[in-house]
Amino acid sequence: MIKAIYFDMGGVLLPLHLDRCVEAYREIAGFKDIDKYLDPCHQQGFFLDLEAGRITLDEFMEECLKHCAPGTTRETVFRCHDHFFGTPAPEDVVLVKELGQKYDVFLLSNNNALSMILHIPNFEKAGLPLDTSFKKMFLSHEMRLLKPDPEIYRQAIAGGGHRADECLFIDDSQKNVDGAIAAGMHAALLRPGASLREVVEANL
């Protein structure tokens, strides 16, 4: 019996617009090889280091600005990065709120300090404040672990207080879904264009 539901963030609760973000970095910040670092599921280089908690946001910014045109500011980097994310869909906001009445609802996300600064007001504006809508958030940069490392699932399961077989995990990456299954969780892949509600309900 499922008692807890873990959601990935980007690609599940937040639409991702990789091409739009890459264009913004190139055109606004002059970061010409940004496509070597950004990926919908798994970042590269110092973007990955930020997501894994291996460097601080200040260290990331210092490195990022080296790749940008002279005169680029931290505020410009934030503005470019914000192009990566859409807004939680109203139907998904309703779904998470409904599920929260019956299940313990968590976030389990490969995420970073830069993105989280942008996500907090985004989710708030959508009516799904992160600090009250989820029982706990398991974020890679805070845990210093990345999906699909088995340890991130073990810690998330233990932190949620339920047995692995009582947990359902939803992600848009097959590697991350496979990692959750290997850790004993129930897990399902959300494919592009699929209904989050239908995927969740089919696996409860």
C-alpha atoms as a PDB file:
ATOM      1  CA  MET A   1       0.000   0.000   0.000  1.00  0.00           C
ATOM      2  CA  ILE A   2       1.398   3.386  -1.042  1.00  0.00           C
ATOM      3  CA  LYS A   3       1.707   5.847   1.822  1.00  0.00           C
ATOM      4  CA  ALA A   4       4.194   8.369   0.413  1.00  0.00           C
ATOM      5  CA  ILE A   5       4.661   9.977  -2.988  1.00  0.00           C
ATOM      6  CA  TYR A   6       7.958  11.519  -4.075  1.00  0.00           C
ATOM      7  CA  PHE A   7       7.971  13.917  -7.023  1.00  0.00           C
ATOM      8  CA  ASP A   8      10.880  15.055  -9.106  1.00  0.00           C
ATOM      9  CA  MET A   9      10.695  18.785  -9.793  1.00  0.00           C
ATOM     10  CA  GLY A  10      11.981  19.801 -13.237  1.00  0.00           C
ATOM     11  CA  GLY A  11      10.208  17.893 -15.994  1.00  0.00           C
ATOM     12  CA  VAL A  12       7.517  16.663 -13.613  1.00  0.00           C
ATOM     13  CA  LEU A  13       6.111  19.576 -11.619  1.00  0.00           C
ATOM     14  CA  LEU A  14       7.917  22.232 -13.657  1.00  0.00           C
ATOM     15  CA  PRO A  15       8.036  22.331 -17.469  1.00  0.00           C
ATOM     16  CA  LEU A  16      11.599  22.623 -18.756  1.00  0.00           C
ATOM     17  CA  HIS A  17      12.589  24.832 -21.715  1.00  0.00           C
ATOM     18  CA  LEU A  18      16.197  23.902 -22.416  1.00  0.00           C
ATOM     19  CA  ASP A  19      16.432  25.541 -25.847  1.00  0.00           C
ATOM     20  CA  ARG A  20      15.008  28.811 -24.529  1.00  0.00           C
ATOM     21  CA  CYS A  21      17.502  28.815 -21.653  1.00  0.00           C
ATOM     22  CA  VAL A  22      20.485  28.022 -23.888  1.00  0.00           C
ATOM     23  CA  GLU A  23      19.492  30.850 -26.229  1.00  0.00           C
ATOM     24  CA  ALA A  24      19.190  33.283 -23.308  1.00  0.00           C
ATOM     25  CA  TYR A  25      22.644  32.414 -21.992  1.00  0.00           C
ATOM     26  CA  ARG A  26      24.130  32.806 -25.461  1.00  0.00           C
ATOM     27  CA  GLU A  27      22.338  35.972 -26.520  1.00  0.00           C
ATOM     28  CA  ILE A  28      22.029  37.844 -23.218  1.00  0.00           C
ATOM     29  CA  ALA A  29      25.111  36.679 -21.310  1.00  0.00           C
ATOM     30  CA  GLY A  30      27.411  35.793 -24.207  1.00  0.00           C
ATOM     31  CA  PHE A  31      27.946  32.260 -22.822  1.00  0.00           C
ATOM     32  CA  LYS A  32      28.580  30.673 -26.219  1.00  0.00           C
ATOM     33  CA  ASP A  33      29.242  27.040 -25.183  1.00  0.00           C
ATOM     34  CA  ILE A  34      26.436  26.805 -22.618  1.00  0.00           C
ATOM     35  CA  ASP A  35      25.026  23.729 -24.388  1.00  0.00           C
ATOM     36  CA  LYS A  36      28.029  21.748 -23.095  1.00  0.00           C
ATOM     37  CA  TYR A  37      26.815  22.253 -19.533  1.00  0.00           C
ATOM     38  CA  LEU A  38      23.009  22.272 -19.516  1.00  0.00           C
ATOM     39  CA  ASP A  39      20.828  19.183 -19.880  1.00  0.00           C
ATOM     40  CA  PRO A  40      17.187  18.505 -18.945  1.00  0.00           C
ATOM     41  CA  CYS A  41      18.129  15.755 -16.449  1.00  0.00           C
ATOM     42  CA  HIS A  42      21.880  15.635 -15.848  1.00  0.00           C
ATOM     43  CA  GLN A  43      24.078  18.767 -15.907  1.00  0.00           C
ATOM     44  CA  GLN A  44      27.768  18.823 -16.764  1.00  0.00           C
ATOM     45  CA  GLY A  45      30.926  20.545 -15.503  1.00  0.00           C
ATOM     46  CA  PHE A  46      30.540  23.242 -12.879  1.00  0.00           C
ATOM     47  CA  PHE A  47      26.749  23.179 -13.323  1.00  0.00           C
ATOM     48  CA  LEU A  48      26.888  19.553 -12.173  1.00  0.00           C
ATOM     49  CA  ASP A  49      29.211  20.497  -9.315  1.00  0.00           C
ATOM     50  CA  LEU A  50      26.644  23.041  -8.103  1.00  0.00           C
ATOM     51  CA  GLU A  51      23.850  20.469  -8.355  1.00  0.00           C
ATOM     52  CA  ALA A  52      25.910  17.926  -6.426  1.00  0.00           C
ATOM     53  CA  GLY A  53      26.751  20.445  -3.686  1.00  0.00           C
ATOM     54  CA  ARG A  54      30.463  20.285  -4.477  1.00  0.00           C
ATOM     55  CA  ILE A  55      30.729  24.050  -4.949  1.00  0.00           C
ATOM     56  CA  THR A  56      28.874  27.009  -3.458  1.00  0.00           C
ATOM     57  CA  LEU A  57      26.654  29.401  -5.378  1.00  0.00           C
ATOM     58  CA  ASP A  58      29.362  32.076  -5.125  1.00  0.00           C
ATOM     59  CA  GLU A  59      31.953  29.678  -6.552  1.00  0.00           C
ATOM     60  CA  PHE A  60      29.554  28.750  -9.338  1.00  0.00           C
ATOM     61  CA  MET A  61      28.922  32.395 -10.181  1.00  0.00           C
ATOM     62  CA  GLU A  62      32.642  33.132 -10.302  1.00  0.00           C
ATOM     63  CA  GLU A  63      33.178  30.304 -12.790  1.00  0.00           C
ATOM     64  CA  CYS A  64      30.039  31.087 -14.792  1.00  0.00           C
ATOM     65  CA  LEU A  65      30.982  34.730 -15.296  1.00  0.00           C
ATOM     66  CA  LYS A  66      34.325  33.623 -16.760  1.00  0.00           C
ATOM     67  CA  HIS A  67      32.350  32.093 -19.637  1.00  0.00           C
ATOM     68  CA  CYS A  68      30.170  35.160 -20.161  1.00  0.00           C
ATOM     69  CA  ALA A  69      30.735  38.413 -21.999  1.00  0.00           C
ATOM     70  CA  PRO A  70      32.585  41.170 -20.114  1.00  0.00           C
ATOM     71  CA  GLY A  71      30.255  43.171 -17.897  1.00  0.00           C
ATOM     72  CA  THR A  72      27.805  40.314 -17.325  1.00  0.00           C
ATOM     73  CA  THR A  73      26.394  40.403 -13.797  1.00  0.00           C
ATOM     74  CA  ARG A  74      25.042  37.808 -11.380  1.00  0.00           C
ATOM     75  CA  GLU A  75      21.578  39.276 -11.966  1.00  0.00           C
ATOM     76  CA  THR A  76      21.945  38.564 -15.694  1.00  0.00           C
ATOM     77  CA  VAL A  77      22.870  34.941 -14.946  1.00  0.00           C
ATOM     78  CA  PHE A  78      19.751  34.597 -12.796  1.00  0.00           C
ATOM     79  CA  ARG A  79      17.638  36.117 -15.561  1.00  0.00           C
ATOM     80  CA  CYS A  80      19.078  33.742 -18.159  1.00  0.00           C
ATOM     81  CA  HIS A  81      18.672  30.692 -15.941  1.00  0.00           C
ATOM     82  CA  ASP A  82      15.045  31.584 -15.255  1.00  0.00           C
ATOM     83  CA  HIS A  83      14.313  30.893 -18.928  1.00  0.00           C
ATOM     84  CA  PHE A  84      14.858  27.184 -18.156  1.00  0.00           C
ATOM     85  CA  PHE A  85      11.634  26.816 -16.190  1.00  0.00           C
ATOM     86  CA  GLY A  86       7.946  27.113 -16.819  1.00  0.00           C
ATOM     87  CA  THR A  87       5.264  27.423 -14.155  1.00  0.00           C
ATOM     88  CA  PRO A  88       3.523  24.510 -12.404  1.00  0.00           C
ATOM     89  CA  ALA A  89       0.359  23.637 -14.325  1.00  0.00           C
ATOM     90  CA  PRO A  90      -2.891  24.423 -12.488  1.00  0.00           C
ATOM     91  CA  GLU A  91      -4.070  20.817 -12.794  1.00  0.00           C
ATOM     92  CA  ASP A  92      -0.831  19.560 -11.236  1.00  0.00           C
ATOM     93  CA  VAL A  93      -1.159  22.051  -8.377  1.00  0.00           C
ATOM     94  CA  VAL A  94      -4.645  20.675  -7.693  1.00  0.00           C
ATOM     95  CA  LEU A  95      -3.307  17.110  -7.895  1.00  0.00           C
ATOM     96  CA  VAL A  96      -0.511  17.663  -5.368  1.00  0.00           C
ATOM     97  CA  LYS A  97      -2.919  19.355  -2.968  1.00  0.00           C
ATOM     98  CA  GLU A  98      -5.372  16.462  -3.278  1.00  0.00           C
ATOM     99  CA  LEU A  99      -2.668  13.879  -2.735  1.00  0.00           C
ATOM    100  CA  GLY A 100      -1.423  15.756   0.302  1.00  0.00           C
ATOM    101  CA  GLN A 101      -4.741  15.037   2.001  1.00  0.00           C
ATOM    102  CA  LYS A 102      -4.203  11.268   1.757  1.00  0.00           C
ATOM    103  CA  TYR A 103      -0.461  10.685   1.418  1.00  0.00           C
ATOM    104  CA  ASP A 104       2.811  12.107   2.634  1.00  0.00           C
ATOM    105  CA  VAL A 105       4.068  14.124  -0.339  1.00  0.00           C
ATOM    106  CA  PHE A 106       7.774  14.829  -0.857  1.00  0.00           C
ATOM    107  CA  LEU A 107      10.146  16.307  -3.414  1.00  0.00           C
ATOM    108  CA  LEU A 108      13.214  14.333  -4.521  1.00  0.00           C
ATOM    109  CA  SER A 109      15.107  16.416  -7.021  1.00  0.00           C
ATOM    110  CA  ASN A 110      18.511  16.901  -8.589  1.00  0.00           C
ATOM    111  CA  ASN A 111      18.529  20.625  -7.971  1.00  0.00           C
ATOM    112  CA  ASN A 112      20.828  23.501  -7.085  1.00  0.00           C
ATOM    113  CA  ALA A 113      20.964  26.695  -5.080  1.00  0.00           C
ATOM    114  CA  LEU A 114      20.596  28.907  -8.159  1.00  0.00           C
ATOM    115  CA  SER A 115      17.448  27.180  -9.389  1.00  0.00           C
ATOM    116  CA  MET A 116      15.876  26.991  -5.945  1.00  0.00           C
ATOM    117  CA  ILE A 117      16.059  30.780  -5.565  1.00  0.00           C
ATOM    118  CA  LEU A 118      13.949  30.948  -8.726  1.00  0.00           C
ATOM    119  CA  HIS A 119      11.630  28.054  -7.835  1.00  0.00           C
ATOM    120  CA  ILE A 120      10.452  29.396  -4.477  1.00  0.00           C
ATOM    121  CA  PRO A 121       8.528  32.405  -5.884  1.00  0.00           C
ATOM    122  CA  ASN A 122       7.482  30.407  -8.954  1.00  0.00           C
ATOM    123  CA  PHE A 123       5.740  27.747  -6.869  1.00  0.00           C
ATOM    124  CA  GLU A 124       4.352  30.387  -4.502  1.00  0.00           C
ATOM    125  CA  LYS A 125       2.777  32.262  -7.417  1.00  0.00           C
ATOM    126  CA  ALA A 126       1.261  29.020  -8.719  1.00  0.00           C
ATOM    127  CA  GLY A 127      -0.437  28.387  -5.367  1.00  0.00           C
ATOM    128  CA  LEU A 128       1.864  25.541  -4.352  1.00  0.00           C
ATOM    129  CA  PRO A 129       4.321  27.006  -1.815  1.00  0.00           C
ATOM    130  CA  LEU A 130       7.263  24.681  -1.387  1.00  0.00           C
ATOM    131  CA  ASP A 131       7.558  25.093   2.377  1.00  0.00           C
ATOM    132  CA  THR A 132       3.974  24.016   3.119  1.00  0.00           C
ATOM    133  CA  SER A 133       2.912  21.848   0.162  1.00  0.00           C
ATOM    134  CA  PHE A 134       5.511  19.127   0.708  1.00  0.00           C
ATOM    135  CA  LYS A 135       6.298  17.315   3.925  1.00  0.00           C
ATOM    136  CA  LYS A 136      10.008  17.494   3.127  1.00  0.00           C
ATOM    137  CA  MET A 137      12.284  18.312   0.195  1.00  0.00           C
ATOM    138  CA  PHE A 138      15.228  16.057  -0.618  1.00  0.00           C
ATOM    139  CA  LEU A 139      17.499  18.172  -2.816  1.00  0.00           C
ATOM    140  CA  SER A 140      20.747  16.961  -4.359  1.00  0.00           C
ATOM    141  CA  HIS A 141      22.808  20.062  -3.598  1.00  0.00           C
ATOM    142  CA  GLU A 142      21.884  19.890   0.089  1.00  0.00           C
ATOM    143  CA  MET A 143      22.358  16.122   0.353  1.00  0.00           C
ATOM    144  CA  ARG A 144      25.520  16.180  -1.804  1.00  0.00           C
ATOM    145  CA  LEU A 145      24.147  13.230  -3.705  1.00  0.00           C
ATOM    146  CA  LEU A 146      22.695  12.933  -7.197  1.00  0.00           C
ATOM    147  CA  LYS A 147      20.062  10.638  -8.618  1.00  0.00           C
ATOM    148  CA  PRO A 148      20.489   7.844  -9.597  1.00  0.00           C
ATOM    149  CA  ASP A 149      23.053   7.241  -6.820  1.00  0.00           C
ATOM    150  CA  PRO A 150      21.435   4.522  -4.628  1.00  0.00           C
ATOM    151  CA  GLU A 151      22.279   6.462  -1.474  1.00  0.00           C
ATOM    152  CA  ILE A 152      20.044   9.405  -2.337  1.00  0.00           C
ATOM    153  CA  TYR A 153      17.027   7.092  -2.479  1.00  0.00           C
ATOM    154  CA  ARG A 154      17.976   5.350   0.749  1.00  0.00           C
ATOM    155  CA  GLN A 155      18.268   8.665   2.558  1.00  0.00           C
ATOM    156  CA  ALA A 156      15.026   9.974   1.087  1.00  0.00           C
ATOM    157  CA  ILE A 157      13.170   6.807   2.103  1.00  0.00           C
ATOM    158  CA  ALA A 158      14.591   6.936   5.626  1.00  0.00           C
ATOM    159  CA  GLY A 159      13.846  10.649   5.903  1.00  0.00           C
ATOM    160  CA  GLY A 160      10.268  10.105   4.825  1.00  0.00           C
ATOM    161  CA  GLY A 161       9.606   7.576   7.546  1.00  0.00           C
ATOM    162  CA  HIS A 162       8.053   4.847   5.401  1.00  0.00           C
ATOM    163  CA  ARG A 163       9.232   1.495   4.057  1.00  0.00           C
ATOM    164  CA  ALA A 164      10.581   1.579   0.509  1.00  0.00           C
ATOM    165  CA  ASP A 165       7.686  -0.528  -0.755  1.00  0.00           C
ATOM    166  CA  GLU A 166       5.241   2.053   0.617  1.00  0.00           C
ATOM    167  CA  CYS A 167       6.794   4.821  -1.508  1.00  0.00           C
ATOM    168  CA  LEU A 168       5.987   5.897  -5.076  1.00  0.00           C
ATOM    169  CA  PHE A 169       8.473   8.018  -7.033  1.00  0.00           C
ATOM    170  CA  ILE A 170       7.680   9.958 -10.229  1.00  0.00           C
ATOM    171  CA  ASP A 171      10.492  11.208 -12.490  1.00  0.00           C
ATOM    172  CA  ASP A 172      10.993  12.160 -16.142  1.00  0.00           C
ATOM    173  CA  SER A 173      14.333  10.293 -16.411  1.00  0.00           C
ATOM    174  CA  GLN A 174      14.349   6.525 -16.906  1.00  0.00           C
ATOM    175  CA  LYS A 175      17.737   6.259 -15.162  1.00  0.00           C
ATOM    176  CA  ASN A 176      16.296   7.938 -12.087  1.00  0.00           C
ATOM    177  CA  VAL A 177      13.198   5.745 -12.155  1.00  0.00           C
ATOM    178  CA  ASP A 178      15.373   2.638 -12.428  1.00  0.00           C
ATOM    179  CA  GLY A 179      17.448   3.840  -9.476  1.00  0.00           C
ATOM    180  CA  ALA A 180      14.333   4.203  -7.329  1.00  0.00           C
ATOM    181  CA  ILE A 181      13.115   0.731  -8.278  1.00  0.00           C
ATOM    182  CA  ALA A 182      16.515  -0.716  -7.411  1.00  0.00           C
ATOM    183  CA  ALA A 183      16.159   0.905  -3.973  1.00  0.00           C
ATOM    184  CA  GLY A 184      12.854  -0.900  -3.459  1.00  0.00           C
ATOM    185  CA  MET A 185      10.477   1.950  -4.257  1.00  0.00           C
ATOM    186  CA  HIS A 186       7.585   1.854  -6.662  1.00  0.00           C
ATOM    187  CA  ALA A 187       8.427   4.265  -9.475  1.00  0.00           C
ATOM    188  CA  ALA A 188       6.970   5.509 -12.742  1.00  0.00           C
ATOM    189  CA  LEU A 189       8.283   7.474 -15.691  1.00  0.00           C
ATOM    190  CA  LEU A 190       6.442  10.629 -16.734  1.00  0.00           C
ATOM    191  CA  ARG A 191       6.878  10.832 -20.486  1.00  0.00           C
ATOM    192  CA  PRO A 192       6.680  14.148 -22.379  1.00  0.00           C
ATOM    193  CA  GLY A 193       3.080  15.221 -22.839  1.00  0.00           C
ATOM    194  CA  ALA A 194       1.692  12.607 -20.443  1.00  0.00           C
ATOM    195  CA  SER A 195      -0.815  13.482 -17.740  1.00  0.00           C
ATOM    196  CA  LEU A 196       0.795  13.559 -14.301  1.00  0.00           C
ATOM    197  CA  ARG A 197      -2.518  12.662 -12.707  1.00  0.00           C
ATOM    198  CA  GLU A 198      -2.950   9.606 -14.925  1.00  0.00           C
ATOM    199  CA  VAL A 199       0.596   8.387 -14.230  1.00  0.00           C
ATOM    200  CA  VAL A 200       0.205   8.818 -10.461  1.00  0.00           C
ATOM    201  CA  GLU A 201      -3.250   7.243 -10.277  1.00  0.00           C
ATOM    202  CA  ALA A 202      -2.157   4.277 -12.405  1.00  0.00           C
ATOM    203  CA  ASN A 203       0.559   3.497  -9.878  1.00  0.00           C
ATOM    204  CA  LEU A 204      -1.267   3.935  -6.573  1.00  0.00           C
END
